[in-house]
Amino acid sequence: MISVMIADDHPLLRSGIAAVLSADARFMIVAEANDGATAIEQYQRFRPDVTLMDLQMPGLNGVDATTAIRAVNPDARIIILTTFGGDVQVARGLRAGACGYMLKNMARTELSDYIHAVYTGQRALPPQVASSLINNFQHDALSKREIEVLRFVADGNSNQRVGEHLGLSEDTIKAHMKTILQKLNARDRTHAVTIALRRGYWEH
């Protein structure tokens, strides 16, 4: 049997996944966790074959918990579990060592086969997530500073105000915005913010 741990801060989602997997003779739920820190503790205790890891949890998030678990066991098979399919979040999860990325609205019939595929060593992504990743791979990633600038812009700040917040000149902010628009292939500031949110540069 394939032992599974479910780490998610929503009890109903955990119980729903557990019910689906428990009905399949291939799986056995050995642990559950409602935050990243507990997930790490439970992993060390039970060493599940596959871990389903929610991306957004209180305290330690899913990416950081994945990194910590992979430090304990580089062969740990972890599937990021989320409602969000932005390619930037996908890339972060994969860089942390996740073997797969599963959207929470995945059909029940696909869930078991997907987990089994990861268990057998496949690195799997749902088609819609893989498509997003491939379509945006050609774009340069925004730098930490550019993300910072765009987040202030998203809050309705002018270039001058953004500069005051960051201790930079207005001309520097204008230069950053020009680069951001080019990298995201955006028409204007509002379009750039929309693209950045969709791609998962930060949470809504």
C-alpha atoms as a PDB file:
ATOM      1  CA  MET A   1       0.000   0.000   0.000  1.00  0.00           C
ATOM      2  CA  ILE A   2       1.046   3.579  -0.641  1.00  0.00           C
ATOM      3  CA  SER A   3       1.127   5.591   2.591  1.00  0.00           C
ATOM      4  CA  VAL A   4      -0.083   9.193   2.249  1.00  0.00           C
ATOM      5  CA  MET A   5       0.024  12.321   4.417  1.00  0.00           C
ATOM      6  CA  ILE A   6      -2.397  15.196   3.771  1.00  0.00           C
ATOM      7  CA  ALA A   7      -1.255  18.671   4.862  1.00  0.00           C
ATOM      8  CA  ASP A   8      -3.973  21.314   4.476  1.00  0.00           C
ATOM      9  CA  ASP A   9      -5.507  23.834   6.851  1.00  0.00           C
ATOM     10  CA  HIS A  10      -9.067  23.088   5.676  1.00  0.00           C
ATOM     11  CA  PRO A  11     -10.493  20.078   7.595  1.00  0.00           C
ATOM     12  CA  LEU A  12     -13.247  19.466   5.028  1.00  0.00           C
ATOM     13  CA  LEU A  13     -10.752  19.246   2.186  1.00  0.00           C
ATOM     14  CA  ARG A  14      -8.532  16.876   4.175  1.00  0.00           C
ATOM     15  CA  SER A  15     -11.481  14.636   5.013  1.00  0.00           C
ATOM     16  CA  GLY A  16     -12.683  14.696   1.391  1.00  0.00           C
ATOM     17  CA  ILE A  17      -9.310  13.612   0.032  1.00  0.00           C
ATOM     18  CA  ALA A  18      -8.965  11.010   2.783  1.00  0.00           C
ATOM     19  CA  ALA A  19     -12.395   9.573   1.884  1.00  0.00           C
ATOM     20  CA  VAL A  20     -11.482   9.275  -1.798  1.00  0.00           C
ATOM     21  CA  LEU A  21      -8.118   7.618  -1.116  1.00  0.00           C
ATOM     22  CA  SER A  22      -9.450   5.332   1.612  1.00  0.00           C
ATOM     23  CA  ALA A  23     -11.898   3.875  -0.922  1.00  0.00           C
ATOM     24  CA  ASP A  24      -8.933   2.807  -3.069  1.00  0.00           C
ATOM     25  CA  ALA A  25      -7.125  -0.307  -1.826  1.00  0.00           C
ATOM     26  CA  ARG A  26      -3.799   1.086  -3.056  1.00  0.00           C
ATOM     27  CA  PHE A  27      -3.681   3.854  -0.424  1.00  0.00           C
ATOM     28  CA  MET A  28      -3.483   4.264   3.328  1.00  0.00           C
ATOM     29  CA  ILE A  29      -3.713   7.658   5.090  1.00  0.00           C
ATOM     30  CA  VAL A  30      -1.050   7.655   7.800  1.00  0.00           C
ATOM     31  CA  ALA A  31      -1.023  11.322   8.868  1.00  0.00           C
ATOM     32  CA  GLU A  32      -2.732  14.693   8.540  1.00  0.00           C
ATOM     33  CA  ALA A  33      -1.464  18.214   9.299  1.00  0.00           C
ATOM     34  CA  ASN A  34      -3.096  21.643   9.364  1.00  0.00           C
ATOM     35  CA  ASP A  35       0.072  23.744   9.072  1.00  0.00           C
ATOM     36  CA  GLY A  36       3.603  23.540   7.711  1.00  0.00           C
ATOM     37  CA  ALA A  37       5.373  22.967  11.021  1.00  0.00           C
ATOM     38  CA  THR A  38       3.081  20.053  11.906  1.00  0.00           C
ATOM     39  CA  ALA A  39       3.582  18.625   8.424  1.00  0.00           C
ATOM     40  CA  ILE A  40       7.336  18.467   9.000  1.00  0.00           C
ATOM     41  CA  GLU A  41       6.863  16.807  12.400  1.00  0.00           C
ATOM     42  CA  GLN A  42       4.367  14.284  11.011  1.00  0.00           C
ATOM     43  CA  TYR A  43       6.594  13.505   8.055  1.00  0.00           C
ATOM     44  CA  GLN A  44       9.534  12.731  10.346  1.00  0.00           C
ATOM     45  CA  ARG A  45       7.302  10.505  12.470  1.00  0.00           C
ATOM     46  CA  PHE A  46       5.469   8.544   9.767  1.00  0.00           C
ATOM     47  CA  ARG A  47       7.682   8.883   6.655  1.00  0.00           C
ATOM     48  CA  PRO A  48       4.761   8.650   4.186  1.00  0.00           C
ATOM     49  CA  ASP A  49       5.414   7.494   0.628  1.00  0.00           C
ATOM     50  CA  VAL A  50       3.606  10.553  -0.769  1.00  0.00           C
ATOM     51  CA  THR A  51       2.752  13.879   0.891  1.00  0.00           C
ATOM     52  CA  LEU A  52       0.002  16.218  -0.350  1.00  0.00           C
ATOM     53  CA  MET A  53       1.107  19.709   0.691  1.00  0.00           C
ATOM     54  CA  ASP A  54      -1.172  22.755   0.622  1.00  0.00           C
ATOM     55  CA  LEU A  55       0.603  25.847  -0.721  1.00  0.00           C
ATOM     56  CA  GLN A  56      -0.941  28.368   1.684  1.00  0.00           C
ATOM     57  CA  MET A  57      -1.096  27.375   5.350  1.00  0.00           C
ATOM     58  CA  PRO A  58      -0.779  29.324   8.611  1.00  0.00           C
ATOM     59  CA  GLY A  59       2.767  29.834   9.839  1.00  0.00           C
ATOM     60  CA  LEU A  60       5.102  27.884   7.583  1.00  0.00           C
ATOM     61  CA  ASN A  61       3.829  27.738   4.003  1.00  0.00           C
ATOM     62  CA  GLY A  62       3.831  24.680   1.765  1.00  0.00           C
ATOM     63  CA  VAL A  63       6.933  25.656  -0.204  1.00  0.00           C
ATOM     64  CA  ASP A  64       9.024  26.155   2.940  1.00  0.00           C
ATOM     65  CA  ALA A  65       7.679  22.952   4.506  1.00  0.00           C
ATOM     66  CA  THR A  66       8.558  21.087   1.306  1.00  0.00           C
ATOM     67  CA  THR A  67      12.093  22.464   1.429  1.00  0.00           C
ATOM     68  CA  ALA A  68      12.438  21.366   5.078  1.00  0.00           C
ATOM     69  CA  ILE A  69      11.124  17.857   4.403  1.00  0.00           C
ATOM     70  CA  ARG A  70      13.376  17.415   1.394  1.00  0.00           C
ATOM     71  CA  ALA A  71      16.307  18.418   3.617  1.00  0.00           C
ATOM     72  CA  VAL A  72      15.352  15.534   5.937  1.00  0.00           C
ATOM     73  CA  ASN A  73      14.811  13.121   3.043  1.00  0.00           C
ATOM     74  CA  PRO A  74      15.922  14.159  -0.473  1.00  0.00           C
ATOM     75  CA  ASP A  75      13.819  11.314  -1.898  1.00  0.00           C
ATOM     76  CA  ALA A  76      10.557  12.529  -0.316  1.00  0.00           C
ATOM     77  CA  ARG A  77       7.710  12.555  -2.841  1.00  0.00           C
ATOM     78  CA  ILE A  78       5.665  15.722  -2.313  1.00  0.00           C
ATOM     79  CA  ILE A  79       2.750  17.021  -4.356  1.00  0.00           C
ATOM     80  CA  ILE A  80       1.863  20.695  -3.950  1.00  0.00           C
ATOM     81  CA  LEU A  81      -1.890  21.021  -3.377  1.00  0.00           C
ATOM     82  CA  THR A  82      -3.494  24.360  -4.219  1.00  0.00           C
ATOM     83  CA  THR A  83      -6.413  26.212  -5.779  1.00  0.00           C
ATOM     84  CA  PHE A  84      -4.012  28.443  -7.695  1.00  0.00           C
ATOM     85  CA  GLY A  85      -2.299  27.552 -10.960  1.00  0.00           C
ATOM     86  CA  GLY A  86       0.033  30.541 -11.472  1.00  0.00           C
ATOM     87  CA  ASP A  87       3.287  29.498 -13.145  1.00  0.00           C
ATOM     88  CA  VAL A  88       5.486  31.396 -10.676  1.00  0.00           C
ATOM     89  CA  GLN A  89       4.026  29.431  -7.757  1.00  0.00           C
ATOM     90  CA  VAL A  90       4.481  26.221  -9.745  1.00  0.00           C
ATOM     91  CA  ALA A  91       8.146  27.056 -10.303  1.00  0.00           C
ATOM     92  CA  ARG A  92       8.685  27.801  -6.590  1.00  0.00           C
ATOM     93  CA  GLY A  93       7.151  24.504  -5.585  1.00  0.00           C
ATOM     94  CA  LEU A  94       9.204  22.547  -8.108  1.00  0.00           C
ATOM     95  CA  ARG A  95      12.412  24.330  -7.080  1.00  0.00           C
ATOM     96  CA  ALA A  96      11.670  23.359  -3.473  1.00  0.00           C
ATOM     97  CA  GLY A  97      11.652  19.731  -4.595  1.00  0.00           C
ATOM     98  CA  ALA A  98       7.977  18.958  -5.211  1.00  0.00           C
ATOM     99  CA  CYS A  99       7.371  16.103  -7.652  1.00  0.00           C
ATOM    100  CA  GLY A 100       3.989  17.364  -8.766  1.00  0.00           C
ATOM    101  CA  TYR A 101       1.434  20.143  -8.513  1.00  0.00           C
ATOM    102  CA  MET A 102      -2.225  19.291  -8.043  1.00  0.00           C
ATOM    103  CA  LEU A 103      -5.165  21.670  -8.273  1.00  0.00           C
ATOM    104  CA  LYS A 104      -7.775  21.133  -5.568  1.00  0.00           C
ATOM    105  CA  ASN A 105     -10.587  21.002  -8.109  1.00  0.00           C
ATOM    106  CA  MET A 106      -9.046  17.963  -9.801  1.00  0.00           C
ATOM    107  CA  ALA A 107     -11.692  15.327 -10.477  1.00  0.00           C
ATOM    108  CA  ARG A 108     -11.827  12.533  -7.916  1.00  0.00           C
ATOM    109  CA  THR A 109     -11.230   9.962 -10.618  1.00  0.00           C
ATOM    110  CA  GLU A 110      -7.912  11.623 -11.476  1.00  0.00           C
ATOM    111  CA  LEU A 111      -6.715  12.041  -7.891  1.00  0.00           C
ATOM    112  CA  SER A 112      -5.733   8.445  -7.156  1.00  0.00           C
ATOM    113  CA  ASP A 113      -4.040   7.851 -10.496  1.00  0.00           C
ATOM    114  CA  TYR A 114      -2.115  11.110 -10.205  1.00  0.00           C
ATOM    115  CA  ILE A 115      -0.768  10.229  -6.736  1.00  0.00           C
ATOM    116  CA  HIS A 116       0.120   6.744  -7.944  1.00  0.00           C
ATOM    117  CA  ALA A 117       2.020   8.244 -10.896  1.00  0.00           C
ATOM    118  CA  VAL A 118       4.113  10.410  -8.577  1.00  0.00           C
ATOM    119  CA  TYR A 119       4.729   7.419  -6.300  1.00  0.00           C
ATOM    120  CA  THR A 120       6.117   5.442  -9.237  1.00  0.00           C
ATOM    121  CA  GLY A 121       8.624   8.192  -9.964  1.00  0.00           C
ATOM    122  CA  GLN A 122       6.850  10.322 -12.552  1.00  0.00           C
ATOM    123  CA  ARG A 123       7.081  14.111 -12.308  1.00  0.00           C
ATOM    124  CA  ALA A 124       3.530  15.061 -13.154  1.00  0.00           C
ATOM    125  CA  LEU A 125       1.696  18.336 -13.708  1.00  0.00           C
ATOM    126  CA  PRO A 126      -1.979  18.796 -14.595  1.00  0.00           C
ATOM    127  CA  PRO A 127      -2.312  19.869 -18.270  1.00  0.00           C
ATOM    128  CA  GLN A 128      -3.627  23.345 -17.441  1.00  0.00           C
ATOM    129  CA  VAL A 129      -0.715  24.013 -15.066  1.00  0.00           C
ATOM    130  CA  ALA A 130       1.885  22.639 -17.486  1.00  0.00           C
ATOM    131  CA  SER A 131       0.425  24.817 -20.233  1.00  0.00           C
ATOM    132  CA  SER A 132       0.684  27.920 -18.042  1.00  0.00           C
ATOM    133  CA  LEU A 133       4.284  27.084 -17.174  1.00  0.00           C
ATOM    134  CA  ILE A 134       5.288  26.530 -20.807  1.00  0.00           C
ATOM    135  CA  ASN A 135       3.462  29.588 -22.129  1.00  0.00           C
ATOM    136  CA  ASN A 136       5.169  31.918 -19.674  1.00  0.00           C
ATOM    137  CA  PHE A 137       8.594  30.265 -19.585  1.00  0.00           C
ATOM    138  CA  GLN A 138       9.827  32.530 -22.361  1.00  0.00           C
ATOM    139  CA  HIS A 139       9.255  35.630 -20.224  1.00  0.00           C
ATOM    140  CA  ASP A 140      12.013  36.883 -17.966  1.00  0.00           C
ATOM    141  CA  ALA A 141      11.186  36.593 -14.287  1.00  0.00           C
ATOM    142  CA  LEU A 142      10.688  39.804 -12.348  1.00  0.00           C
ATOM    143  CA  SER A 143      13.435  40.645  -9.864  1.00  0.00           C
ATOM    144  CA  LYS A 144      12.724  41.015  -6.156  1.00  0.00           C
ATOM    145  CA  ARG A 145      12.912  44.815  -6.504  1.00  0.00           C
ATOM    146  CA  GLU A 146      10.591  44.835  -9.514  1.00  0.00           C
ATOM    147  CA  ILE A 147       8.013  42.775  -7.628  1.00  0.00           C
ATOM    148  CA  GLU A 148       8.320  45.215  -4.720  1.00  0.00           C
ATOM    149  CA  VAL A 149       7.722  48.181  -7.042  1.00  0.00           C
ATOM    150  CA  LEU A 150       4.741  46.521  -8.728  1.00  0.00           C
ATOM    151  CA  ARG A 151       3.134  45.648  -5.393  1.00  0.00           C
ATOM    152  CA  PHE A 152       3.216  49.315  -4.381  1.00  0.00           C
ATOM    153  CA  VAL A 153       1.763  50.225  -7.786  1.00  0.00           C
ATOM    154  CA  ALA A 154      -0.987  47.647  -7.219  1.00  0.00           C
ATOM    155  CA  ASP A 155      -1.919  49.536  -4.033  1.00  0.00           C
ATOM    156  CA  GLY A 156      -2.565  52.662  -6.128  1.00  0.00           C
ATOM    157  CA  ASN A 157       0.701  54.511  -5.497  1.00  0.00           C
ATOM    158  CA  SER A 158       2.180  56.889  -8.062  1.00  0.00           C
ATOM    159  CA  ASN A 159       5.796  56.524  -9.179  1.00  0.00           C
ATOM    160  CA  GLN A 160       6.728  59.355  -6.819  1.00  0.00           C
ATOM    161  CA  ARG A 161       5.038  57.692  -3.838  1.00  0.00           C
ATOM    162  CA  VAL A 162       6.601  54.314  -4.662  1.00  0.00           C
ATOM    163  CA  GLY A 163       9.997  56.030  -4.755  1.00  0.00           C
ATOM    164  CA  GLU A 164       9.369  57.602  -1.351  1.00  0.00           C
ATOM    165  CA  HIS A 165       8.411  54.215   0.114  1.00  0.00           C
ATOM    166  CA  LEU A 166      11.521  52.524  -1.261  1.00  0.00           C
ATOM    167  CA  GLY A 167      13.993  55.385  -0.890  1.00  0.00           C
ATOM    168  CA  LEU A 168      14.479  55.620  -4.654  1.00  0.00           C
ATOM    169  CA  SER A 169      14.121  58.478  -7.148  1.00  0.00           C
ATOM    170  CA  GLU A 170      11.018  58.819  -9.293  1.00  0.00           C
ATOM    171  CA  ASP A 171      13.181  58.303 -12.404  1.00  0.00           C
ATOM    172  CA  THR A 172      14.434  54.993 -10.998  1.00  0.00           C
ATOM    173  CA  ILE A 173      10.867  53.833 -10.427  1.00  0.00           C
ATOM    174  CA  LYS A 174       9.961  54.857 -13.984  1.00  0.00           C
ATOM    175  CA  ALA A 175      12.886  52.787 -15.277  1.00  0.00           C
ATOM    176  CA  HIS A 176      11.753  49.807 -13.205  1.00  0.00           C
ATOM    177  CA  MET A 177       8.204  50.131 -14.542  1.00  0.00           C
ATOM    178  CA  LYS A 178       9.473  50.266 -18.122  1.00  0.00           C
ATOM    179  CA  THR A 179      11.375  47.024 -17.574  1.00  0.00           C
ATOM    180  CA  ILE A 180       8.381  45.413 -15.840  1.00  0.00           C
ATOM    181  CA  LEU A 181       6.074  46.272 -18.739  1.00  0.00           C
ATOM    182  CA  GLN A 182       8.561  44.802 -21.210  1.00  0.00           C
ATOM    183  CA  LYS A 183       9.098  41.600 -19.226  1.00  0.00           C
ATOM    184  CA  LEU A 184       5.377  40.984 -18.727  1.00  0.00           C
ATOM    185  CA  ASN A 185       4.469  42.215 -22.231  1.00  0.00           C
ATOM    186  CA  ALA A 186       1.918  44.452 -20.524  1.00  0.00           C
ATOM    187  CA  ARG A 187       0.079  47.401 -22.083  1.00  0.00           C
ATOM    188  CA  ASP A 188       0.089  49.559 -18.966  1.00  0.00           C
ATOM    189  CA  ARG A 189       0.475  49.517 -15.177  1.00  0.00           C
ATOM    190  CA  THR A 190      -2.934  47.994 -14.507  1.00  0.00           C
ATOM    191  CA  HIS A 191      -2.339  45.260 -17.075  1.00  0.00           C
ATOM    192  CA  ALA A 192       1.066  44.530 -15.496  1.00  0.00           C
ATOM    193  CA  VAL A 193      -0.520  44.097 -12.057  1.00  0.00           C
ATOM    194  CA  THR A 194      -3.196  41.784 -13.506  1.00  0.00           C
ATOM    195  CA  ILE A 195      -0.590  39.607 -15.233  1.00  0.00           C
ATOM    196  CA  ALA A 196       1.601  39.452 -12.108  1.00  0.00           C
ATOM    197  CA  LEU A 197      -1.346  38.328  -9.966  1.00  0.00           C
ATOM    198  CA  ARG A 198      -2.406  35.709 -12.495  1.00  0.00           C
ATOM    199  CA  ARG A 199       1.106  34.324 -12.718  1.00  0.00           C
ATOM    200  CA  GLY A 200       1.372  34.138  -8.932  1.00  0.00           C
ATOM    201  CA  TYR A 201       4.087  36.684  -8.134  1.00  0.00           C
ATOM    202  CA  TRP A 202       2.124  37.309  -4.936  1.00  0.00           C
ATOM    203  CA  GLU A 203      -1.192  36.233  -3.435  1.00  0.00           C
ATOM    204  CA  HIS A 204      -4.381  38.243  -3.941  1.00  0.00           C
END
